[in-house]
Amino acid sequence: MLVLGVGNILLSDEGLGVRVIEKIKEGYVLPEDVKLLDGGTLGIELLYFLEGSEKLIIVDAIKGGGPPGTLYKFSGDEVKAYFKGKISAHELGIQEVLGIAQLTDRYPKEVVVIGMEPESLEVSLELSQTVKDNLEKLIKSVIEQLKEWNIEVKHVDERARHTV
């Protein structure tokens, strides 16, 4: 099981997938077989990380035409349709990785893309205020997907209560 955050953190909201991975690492405890990966703008190198993953969540900035902060979730054939119209470097990289994974029988059994409409793609290390305000909803959507797959997810505070 792999949760992959992609995007360029130098371009404000473009890096929201990476920021979500950081927040999940800080705030949640996941089983050892769930890998959290900052995929940044890696391309074909990501194929290595897909090896053995039966389920994959990709977290990304998604230009779906909605207002900034709009959440999106794609699964099944919707994932392939999502990547068909993409032109940025990391998205082409993921499209290629998924294509090669499919050709080599390494494509995960389930792939879900979860993301948010960006407000700004300007050069900045900071997320826009709209994305910051909605980031927790995006994180919750990722956590909900993990729970749908019967993966035990604990908030860091929960773990502290159980270990006392």
N, C-alpha and C. Protein backbone atom coordinates (compact mmCIF):
# COMPACT_ATOMS: atom_id res chain seq x y z
N MET A 1 0.86 -1.18 0.00
CA MET A 1 0.00 0.00 0.00
C MET A 1 0.90 1.23 0.00
N LEU A 2 0.63 2.13 -0.93
CA LEU A 2 1.44 3.34 -1.08
C LEU A 2 0.55 4.57 -1.17
N VAL A 3 0.90 5.59 -0.39
CA VAL A 3 0.27 6.91 -0.51
C VAL A 3 1.36 7.82 -1.05
N LEU A 4 1.13 8.32 -2.25
CA LEU A 4 2.14 9.07 -3.00
C LEU A 4 1.70 10.52 -3.18
N GLY A 5 2.45 11.44 -2.61
CA GLY A 5 2.18 12.86 -2.80
C GLY A 5 3.11 13.40 -3.87
N VAL A 6 2.54 14.04 -4.89
CA VAL A 6 3.35 14.57 -5.98
C VAL A 6 3.15 16.06 -6.13
N GLY A 7 4.14 16.70 -6.78
CA GLY A 7 4.03 18.11 -7.05
C GLY A 7 5.32 18.83 -6.75
N ASN A 8 5.37 20.06 -7.23
CA ASN A 8 6.56 20.89 -7.10
C ASN A 8 6.33 21.91 -5.99
N ILE A 9 7.02 21.73 -4.85
CA ILE A 9 6.81 22.63 -3.70
C ILE A 9 7.31 24.04 -3.96
N LEU A 10 8.03 24.27 -5.06
CA LEU A 10 8.50 25.62 -5.40
C LEU A 10 7.41 26.46 -6.07
N LEU A 11 6.30 25.81 -6.44
CA LEU A 11 5.22 26.50 -7.15
C LEU A 11 3.93 26.52 -6.33
N SER A 12 4.02 27.00 -5.12
CA SER A 12 2.89 27.21 -4.23
C SER A 12 1.99 25.97 -4.16
N ASP A 13 0.74 26.06 -4.61
CA ASP A 13 -0.24 24.99 -4.47
C ASP A 13 0.09 23.74 -5.29
N GLU A 14 0.96 23.87 -6.27
CA GLU A 14 1.40 22.71 -7.05
C GLU A 14 2.00 21.65 -6.14
N GLY A 15 2.55 22.06 -5.00
CA GLY A 15 3.19 21.13 -4.07
C GLY A 15 2.28 20.58 -2.99
N LEU A 16 0.96 20.74 -3.13
CA LEU A 16 0.08 20.33 -2.05
C LEU A 16 0.11 18.84 -1.78
N GLY A 17 0.37 18.00 -2.78
CA GLY A 17 0.47 16.56 -2.56
C GLY A 17 1.60 16.22 -1.61
N VAL A 18 2.72 16.89 -1.78
CA VAL A 18 3.88 16.69 -0.92
C VAL A 18 3.56 17.17 0.49
N ARG A 19 2.89 18.31 0.59
CA ARG A 19 2.53 18.86 1.91
C ARG A 19 1.57 17.94 2.66
N VAL A 20 0.66 17.29 1.95
CA VAL A 20 -0.27 16.35 2.59
C VAL A 20 0.51 15.18 3.19
N ILE A 21 1.47 14.65 2.44
CA ILE A 21 2.29 13.55 2.96
C ILE A 21 3.01 13.98 4.23
N GLU A 22 3.57 15.19 4.24
CA GLU A 22 4.25 15.70 5.43
C GLU A 22 3.31 15.75 6.63
N LYS A 23 2.09 16.25 6.41
CA LYS A 23 1.12 16.39 7.50
C LYS A 23 0.66 15.02 8.01
N ILE A 24 0.46 14.07 7.11
CA ILE A 24 0.05 12.73 7.55
C ILE A 24 1.17 12.09 8.37
N LYS A 25 2.42 12.27 7.94
CA LYS A 25 3.56 11.72 8.70
C LYS A 25 3.61 12.33 10.10
N GLU A 26 3.32 13.62 10.21
CA GLU A 26 3.36 14.31 11.50
C GLU A 26 2.19 13.94 12.41
N GLY A 27 1.01 13.74 11.83
CA GLY A 27 -0.20 13.64 12.64
C GLY A 27 -0.84 12.28 12.77
N TYR A 28 -0.35 11.28 12.02
CA TYR A 28 -1.01 9.97 12.03
C TYR A 28 -0.01 8.83 12.16
N VAL A 29 -0.49 7.74 12.71
CA VAL A 29 0.28 6.51 12.81
C VAL A 29 -0.40 5.50 11.90
N LEU A 30 0.37 4.93 10.98
CA LEU A 30 -0.16 3.96 10.03
C LEU A 30 0.57 2.64 10.19
N PRO A 31 -0.04 1.55 9.76
CA PRO A 31 0.66 0.26 9.82
C PRO A 31 1.94 0.30 8.99
N GLU A 32 2.88 -0.57 9.35
CA GLU A 32 4.18 -0.59 8.67
C GLU A 32 4.07 -0.86 7.18
N ASP A 33 3.06 -1.59 6.76
CA ASP A 33 2.95 -1.93 5.34
C ASP A 33 2.35 -0.80 4.50
N VAL A 34 2.02 0.32 5.13
CA VAL A 34 1.55 1.51 4.41
C VAL A 34 2.72 2.47 4.28
N LYS A 35 3.14 2.71 3.05
CA LYS A 35 4.27 3.60 2.79
C LYS A 35 3.75 4.98 2.40
N LEU A 36 4.34 6.00 2.98
CA LEU A 36 4.05 7.39 2.61
C LEU A 36 5.25 7.89 1.83
N LEU A 37 5.03 8.40 0.62
CA LEU A 37 6.14 8.81 -0.22
C LEU A 37 5.95 10.21 -0.77
N ASP A 38 6.95 11.06 -0.53
CA ASP A 38 7.03 12.37 -1.17
C ASP A 38 7.63 12.10 -2.55
N GLY A 39 6.76 12.04 -3.56
CA GLY A 39 7.22 11.77 -4.92
C GLY A 39 7.69 13.01 -5.63
N GLY A 40 7.46 14.18 -5.03
CA GLY A 40 7.90 15.43 -5.64
C GLY A 40 7.60 15.47 -7.12
N THR A 41 8.63 15.70 -7.92
CA THR A 41 8.48 15.76 -9.38
C THR A 41 9.18 14.57 -10.03
N LEU A 42 9.40 13.51 -9.26
CA LEU A 42 10.01 12.31 -9.83
C LEU A 42 9.15 11.78 -10.96
N GLY A 43 9.75 11.14 -11.89
CA GLY A 43 9.01 10.53 -13.00
C GLY A 43 9.13 9.03 -12.94
N ILE A 44 9.82 8.49 -13.91
CA ILE A 44 9.93 7.05 -14.09
C ILE A 44 10.53 6.35 -12.86
N GLU A 45 11.30 7.09 -12.05
CA GLU A 45 11.88 6.53 -10.84
C GLU A 45 10.81 6.00 -9.87
N LEU A 46 9.59 6.52 -9.99
CA LEU A 46 8.51 6.09 -9.10
C LEU A 46 8.12 4.63 -9.32
N LEU A 47 8.43 4.08 -10.48
CA LEU A 47 8.09 2.70 -10.78
C LEU A 47 8.63 1.76 -9.70
N TYR A 48 9.83 2.03 -9.24
CA TYR A 48 10.45 1.21 -8.19
C TYR A 48 9.55 1.16 -6.95
N PHE A 49 8.95 2.28 -6.57
CA PHE A 49 8.15 2.35 -5.35
C PHE A 49 6.79 1.67 -5.49
N LEU A 50 6.33 1.50 -6.74
CA LEU A 50 5.06 0.81 -6.96
C LEU A 50 5.19 -0.69 -6.79
N GLU A 51 6.39 -1.19 -6.92
CA GLU A 51 6.64 -2.63 -6.83
C GLU A 51 6.01 -3.23 -5.58
N GLY A 52 5.11 -4.17 -5.77
CA GLY A 52 4.48 -4.85 -4.65
C GLY A 52 3.31 -4.12 -4.01
N SER A 53 2.98 -2.92 -4.49
CA SER A 53 1.84 -2.18 -3.93
C SER A 53 0.56 -2.62 -4.62
N GLU A 54 -0.36 -3.15 -3.84
CA GLU A 54 -1.64 -3.56 -4.41
C GLU A 54 -2.62 -2.39 -4.49
N LYS A 55 -2.39 -1.40 -3.63
CA LYS A 55 -3.27 -0.23 -3.59
C LYS A 55 -2.41 1.02 -3.58
N LEU A 56 -2.88 2.03 -4.31
CA LEU A 56 -2.12 3.27 -4.47
C LEU A 56 -3.07 4.46 -4.37
N ILE A 57 -2.69 5.42 -3.54
CA ILE A 57 -3.37 6.72 -3.50
C ILE A 57 -2.37 7.74 -3.99
N ILE A 58 -2.76 8.53 -4.98
CA ILE A 58 -1.94 9.63 -5.48
C ILE A 58 -2.61 10.92 -5.02
N VAL A 59 -1.84 11.78 -4.34
CA VAL A 59 -2.37 13.06 -3.87
C VAL A 59 -1.70 14.15 -4.71
N ASP A 60 -2.54 15.02 -5.31
CA ASP A 60 -2.02 15.95 -6.31
C ASP A 60 -2.88 17.21 -6.37
N ALA A 61 -2.30 18.29 -6.89
CA ALA A 61 -3.08 19.47 -7.24
C ALA A 61 -3.81 19.12 -8.53
N ILE A 62 -5.10 19.40 -8.59
CA ILE A 62 -5.92 19.01 -9.74
C ILE A 62 -6.64 20.23 -10.30
N LYS A 63 -6.36 20.53 -11.56
CA LYS A 63 -7.07 21.62 -12.23
C LYS A 63 -8.31 21.04 -12.89
N GLY A 64 -9.38 21.00 -12.12
CA GLY A 64 -10.63 20.41 -12.60
C GLY A 64 -11.65 21.44 -13.04
N GLY A 65 -11.32 22.72 -12.89
CA GLY A 65 -12.24 23.76 -13.31
C GLY A 65 -13.13 24.31 -12.20
N GLY A 66 -13.06 23.72 -11.02
CA GLY A 66 -13.86 24.22 -9.91
C GLY A 66 -13.17 25.39 -9.22
N PRO A 67 -13.84 25.98 -8.24
CA PRO A 67 -13.20 27.06 -7.49
C PRO A 67 -12.01 26.53 -6.69
N PRO A 68 -11.02 27.37 -6.43
CA PRO A 68 -9.89 26.94 -5.61
C PRO A 68 -10.37 26.34 -4.30
N GLY A 69 -9.73 25.22 -3.92
CA GLY A 69 -10.11 24.52 -2.69
C GLY A 69 -11.07 23.38 -2.92
N THR A 70 -11.61 23.25 -4.15
CA THR A 70 -12.52 22.15 -4.47
C THR A 70 -11.78 20.82 -4.37
N LEU A 71 -12.38 19.83 -3.70
CA LEU A 71 -11.78 18.51 -3.59
C LEU A 71 -12.23 17.63 -4.75
N TYR A 72 -11.33 16.76 -5.19
CA TYR A 72 -11.62 15.81 -6.26
C TYR A 72 -11.14 14.42 -5.84
N LYS A 73 -11.84 13.41 -6.34
CA LYS A 73 -11.43 12.03 -6.10
C LYS A 73 -11.79 11.21 -7.33
N PHE A 74 -10.79 10.51 -7.86
CA PHE A 74 -10.98 9.66 -9.03
C PHE A 74 -10.53 8.25 -8.71
N SER A 75 -11.23 7.26 -9.26
CA SER A 75 -10.81 5.87 -9.09
C SER A 75 -11.14 5.11 -10.37
N GLY A 76 -10.60 3.91 -10.48
CA GLY A 76 -10.86 3.07 -11.65
C GLY A 76 -10.46 3.74 -12.95
N ASP A 77 -11.35 3.68 -13.93
CA ASP A 77 -11.08 4.26 -15.25
C ASP A 77 -10.97 5.78 -15.22
N GLU A 78 -11.55 6.41 -14.19
CA GLU A 78 -11.44 7.87 -14.05
C GLU A 78 -9.97 8.29 -13.90
N VAL A 79 -9.14 7.44 -13.30
CA VAL A 79 -7.73 7.77 -13.09
C VAL A 79 -7.04 7.93 -14.44
N LYS A 80 -7.28 6.99 -15.34
CA LYS A 80 -6.65 7.07 -16.67
C LYS A 80 -7.13 8.31 -17.41
N ALA A 81 -8.40 8.61 -17.30
CA ALA A 81 -8.95 9.80 -17.95
C ALA A 81 -8.33 11.07 -17.36
N TYR A 82 -8.11 11.08 -16.05
CA TYR A 82 -7.50 12.24 -15.39
C TYR A 82 -6.12 12.53 -15.96
N PHE A 83 -5.29 11.52 -16.09
CA PHE A 83 -3.92 11.73 -16.54
C PHE A 83 -3.80 11.99 -18.04
N LYS A 84 -4.82 11.66 -18.82
CA LYS A 84 -4.75 11.90 -20.27
C LYS A 84 -4.58 13.37 -20.64
N GLY A 85 -5.20 14.26 -19.89
CA GLY A 85 -5.17 15.67 -20.23
C GLY A 85 -4.08 16.47 -19.56
N LYS A 86 -3.14 15.82 -18.90
CA LYS A 86 -2.14 16.53 -18.11
C LYS A 86 -0.89 16.84 -18.93
N ILE A 87 -0.27 17.99 -18.59
CA ILE A 87 0.93 18.37 -19.34
C ILE A 87 2.13 18.72 -18.48
N SER A 88 1.98 18.82 -17.16
CA SER A 88 3.16 19.18 -16.36
C SER A 88 4.09 17.98 -16.21
N ALA A 89 5.33 18.25 -15.88
CA ALA A 89 6.36 17.20 -15.86
C ALA A 89 6.03 16.05 -14.93
N HIS A 90 5.61 16.35 -13.69
CA HIS A 90 5.39 15.23 -12.77
C HIS A 90 4.17 14.41 -13.18
N GLU A 91 3.16 15.06 -13.76
CA GLU A 91 1.97 14.31 -14.15
C GLU A 91 2.27 13.40 -15.33
N LEU A 92 3.06 13.88 -16.30
CA LEU A 92 3.47 13.00 -17.39
C LEU A 92 4.28 11.84 -16.84
N GLY A 93 5.12 12.11 -15.86
CA GLY A 93 5.91 11.06 -15.25
C GLY A 93 5.04 9.98 -14.63
N ILE A 94 4.00 10.38 -13.93
CA ILE A 94 3.11 9.42 -13.29
C ILE A 94 2.33 8.65 -14.36
N GLN A 95 1.89 9.34 -15.39
CA GLN A 95 1.17 8.66 -16.48
C GLN A 95 2.05 7.58 -17.09
N GLU A 96 3.32 7.91 -17.33
CA GLU A 96 4.25 6.92 -17.88
C GLU A 96 4.48 5.77 -16.91
N VAL A 97 4.67 6.11 -15.63
CA VAL A 97 4.90 5.08 -14.61
C VAL A 97 3.72 4.12 -14.56
N LEU A 98 2.51 4.66 -14.52
CA LEU A 98 1.32 3.80 -14.46
C LEU A 98 1.18 2.97 -15.74
N GLY A 99 1.52 3.56 -16.88
CA GLY A 99 1.47 2.83 -18.15
C GLY A 99 2.46 1.67 -18.17
N ILE A 100 3.69 1.93 -17.73
CA ILE A 100 4.70 0.87 -17.68
C ILE A 100 4.31 -0.18 -16.65
N ALA A 101 3.78 0.25 -15.52
CA ALA A 101 3.34 -0.68 -14.48
C ALA A 101 2.27 -1.62 -15.04
N GLN A 102 1.38 -1.07 -15.86
CA GLN A 102 0.32 -1.89 -16.45
C GLN A 102 0.90 -2.89 -17.44
N LEU A 103 1.84 -2.45 -18.27
CA LEU A 103 2.47 -3.33 -19.25
C LEU A 103 3.28 -4.45 -18.61
N THR A 104 3.83 -4.19 -17.44
CA THR A 104 4.70 -5.16 -16.78
C THR A 104 4.00 -5.86 -15.61
N ASP A 105 2.68 -5.81 -15.60
CA ASP A 105 1.88 -6.45 -14.54
C ASP A 105 2.24 -5.98 -13.13
N ARG A 106 2.63 -4.73 -13.01
CA ARG A 106 2.93 -4.16 -11.69
C ARG A 106 1.91 -3.09 -11.30
N TYR A 107 0.88 -2.93 -12.12
CA TYR A 107 -0.14 -1.92 -11.84
C TYR A 107 -0.91 -2.34 -10.59
N PRO A 108 -1.04 -1.43 -9.61
CA PRO A 108 -1.79 -1.79 -8.40
C PRO A 108 -3.23 -2.19 -8.74
N LYS A 109 -3.80 -3.05 -7.91
CA LYS A 109 -5.18 -3.50 -8.13
C LYS A 109 -6.15 -2.34 -8.02
N GLU A 110 -5.83 -1.40 -7.13
CA GLU A 110 -6.69 -0.22 -6.96
C GLU A 110 -5.83 1.03 -6.94
N VAL A 111 -6.24 2.02 -7.74
CA VAL A 111 -5.57 3.32 -7.77
C VAL A 111 -6.63 4.40 -7.57
N VAL A 112 -6.36 5.29 -6.64
CA VAL A 112 -7.26 6.41 -6.37
C VAL A 112 -6.42 7.69 -6.40
N VAL A 113 -6.94 8.71 -7.10
CA VAL A 113 -6.31 10.02 -7.12
C VAL A 113 -7.20 10.95 -6.30
N ILE A 114 -6.59 11.61 -5.32
CA ILE A 114 -7.32 12.56 -4.47
C ILE A 114 -6.57 13.88 -4.55
N GLY A 115 -7.30 14.95 -4.77
CA GLY A 115 -6.62 16.23 -4.88
C GLY A 115 -7.53 17.41 -4.67
N MET A 116 -6.95 18.57 -4.95
CA MET A 116 -7.65 19.83 -4.71
C MET A 116 -7.31 20.83 -5.81
N GLU A 117 -8.30 21.63 -6.14
CA GLU A 117 -8.11 22.71 -7.10
C GLU A 117 -7.15 23.75 -6.51
N PRO A 118 -6.05 24.04 -7.20
CA PRO A 118 -5.11 25.04 -6.68
C PRO A 118 -5.64 26.46 -6.90
N GLU A 119 -5.13 27.37 -6.09
CA GLU A 119 -5.44 28.79 -6.28
C GLU A 119 -4.26 29.49 -6.95
N SER A 120 -3.03 29.10 -6.56
CA SER A 120 -1.84 29.76 -7.07
C SER A 120 -0.80 28.73 -7.50
N LEU A 121 -0.19 28.98 -8.65
CA LEU A 121 0.93 28.17 -9.11
C LEU A 121 2.16 29.07 -9.30
N GLU A 122 2.14 30.20 -8.60
CA GLU A 122 3.25 31.15 -8.64
C GLU A 122 4.44 30.59 -7.87
N VAL A 123 5.62 31.12 -8.14
CA VAL A 123 6.81 30.70 -7.41
C VAL A 123 6.67 31.13 -5.95
N SER A 124 6.59 30.12 -5.07
CA SER A 124 6.47 30.35 -3.64
C SER A 124 6.56 29.00 -2.93
N LEU A 125 7.17 28.99 -1.76
CA LEU A 125 7.21 27.78 -0.95
C LEU A 125 5.95 27.63 -0.10
N GLU A 126 5.11 28.67 -0.07
CA GLU A 126 3.90 28.67 0.75
C GLU A 126 2.68 28.28 -0.07
N LEU A 127 1.79 27.53 0.55
CA LEU A 127 0.49 27.27 -0.06
C LEU A 127 -0.36 28.53 0.01
N SER A 128 -1.28 28.68 -0.93
CA SER A 128 -2.20 29.82 -0.88
C SER A 128 -3.10 29.68 0.35
N GLN A 129 -3.70 30.78 0.77
CA GLN A 129 -4.56 30.74 1.95
C GLN A 129 -5.75 29.81 1.73
N THR A 130 -6.33 29.81 0.54
CA THR A 130 -7.48 28.95 0.26
C THR A 130 -7.11 27.48 0.42
N VAL A 131 -5.96 27.09 -0.13
CA VAL A 131 -5.53 25.70 -0.02
C VAL A 131 -5.19 25.36 1.43
N LYS A 132 -4.51 26.28 2.13
CA LYS A 132 -4.22 26.05 3.55
C LYS A 132 -5.51 25.81 4.33
N ASP A 133 -6.52 26.65 4.05
CA ASP A 133 -7.80 26.56 4.76
C ASP A 133 -8.51 25.23 4.51
N ASN A 134 -8.25 24.60 3.36
CA ASN A 134 -8.93 23.36 2.99
C ASN A 134 -8.05 22.12 3.07
N LEU A 135 -6.81 22.29 3.49
CA LEU A 135 -5.86 21.18 3.50
C LEU A 135 -6.32 20.05 4.43
N GLU A 136 -6.90 20.40 5.56
CA GLU A 136 -7.35 19.37 6.50
C GLU A 136 -8.45 18.50 5.87
N LYS A 137 -9.32 19.09 5.06
CA LYS A 137 -10.36 18.32 4.37
C LYS A 137 -9.72 17.32 3.40
N LEU A 138 -8.67 17.75 2.73
CA LEU A 138 -7.96 16.87 1.80
C LEU A 138 -7.30 15.71 2.56
N ILE A 139 -6.66 16.02 3.66
CA ILE A 139 -6.03 14.98 4.49
C ILE A 139 -7.08 13.99 4.97
N LYS A 140 -8.23 14.50 5.42
CA LYS A 140 -9.31 13.62 5.88
C LYS A 140 -9.81 12.72 4.75
N SER A 141 -9.84 13.22 3.54
CA SER A 141 -10.27 12.41 2.40
C SER A 141 -9.29 11.25 2.17
N VAL A 142 -7.99 11.52 2.31
CA VAL A 142 -6.98 10.46 2.17
C VAL A 142 -7.16 9.44 3.29
N ILE A 143 -7.33 9.92 4.52
CA ILE A 143 -7.51 9.02 5.68
C ILE A 143 -8.77 8.18 5.50
N GLU A 144 -9.85 8.79 5.02
CA GLU A 144 -11.10 8.05 4.78
C GLU A 144 -10.89 6.95 3.76
N GLN A 145 -10.11 7.22 2.71
CA GLN A 145 -9.84 6.20 1.70
C GLN A 145 -9.07 5.04 2.32
N LEU A 146 -8.09 5.34 3.14
CA LEU A 146 -7.34 4.28 3.82
C LEU A 146 -8.28 3.43 4.68
N LYS A 147 -9.17 4.08 5.41
CA LYS A 147 -10.12 3.34 6.25
C LYS A 147 -11.09 2.51 5.41
N GLU A 148 -11.48 3.03 4.23
CA GLU A 148 -12.32 2.24 3.32
C GLU A 148 -11.64 0.94 2.92
N TRP A 149 -10.32 0.98 2.85
CA TRP A 149 -9.53 -0.21 2.52
C TRP A 149 -9.17 -1.01 3.77
N ASN A 150 -9.86 -0.73 4.87
CA ASN A 150 -9.67 -1.44 6.14
C ASN A 150 -8.25 -1.31 6.69
N ILE A 151 -7.67 -0.14 6.51
CA ILE A 151 -6.34 0.14 7.05
C ILE A 151 -6.54 0.93 8.34
N GLU A 152 -5.92 0.44 9.40
CA GLU A 152 -6.05 1.08 10.70
C GLU A 152 -5.22 2.37 10.72
N VAL A 153 -5.90 3.46 10.98
CA VAL A 153 -5.25 4.77 11.03
C VAL A 153 -5.53 5.37 12.40
N LYS A 154 -4.45 5.79 13.05
CA LYS A 154 -4.61 6.43 14.36
C LYS A 154 -4.02 7.82 14.30
N HIS A 155 -4.73 8.75 14.90
CA HIS A 155 -4.19 10.10 15.06
C HIS A 155 -3.10 10.02 16.12
N VAL A 156 -2.06 10.82 16.01
CA VAL A 156 -0.95 10.79 16.96
C VAL A 156 -1.47 10.92 18.40
N ASP A 157 -2.47 11.78 18.63
CA ASP A 157 -3.04 11.95 19.96
C ASP A 157 -3.66 10.66 20.48
N GLU A 158 -4.32 9.90 19.57
CA GLU A 158 -4.92 8.62 19.92
C GLU A 158 -3.86 7.64 20.40
N ARG A 159 -2.77 7.58 19.68
CA ARG A 159 -1.68 6.67 20.03
C ARG A 159 -1.15 6.99 21.42
N ALA A 160 -1.02 8.28 21.70
CA ALA A 160 -0.51 8.70 23.01
C ALA A 160 -1.44 8.23 24.12
N ARG A 161 -2.75 8.32 23.90
CA ARG A 161 -3.73 7.88 24.90
C ARG A 161 -3.64 6.38 25.13
N HIS A 162 -3.42 5.61 24.05
CA HIS A 162 -3.38 4.16 24.15
C HIS A 162 -2.10 3.64 24.77
N THR A 163 -1.05 4.40 24.73
CA THR A 163 0.23 3.92 25.23
C THR A 163 0.49 4.35 26.67
N VAL A 164 -0.40 5.16 27.23
CA VAL A 164 -0.21 5.64 28.59
C VAL A 164 -0.66 4.58 29.58
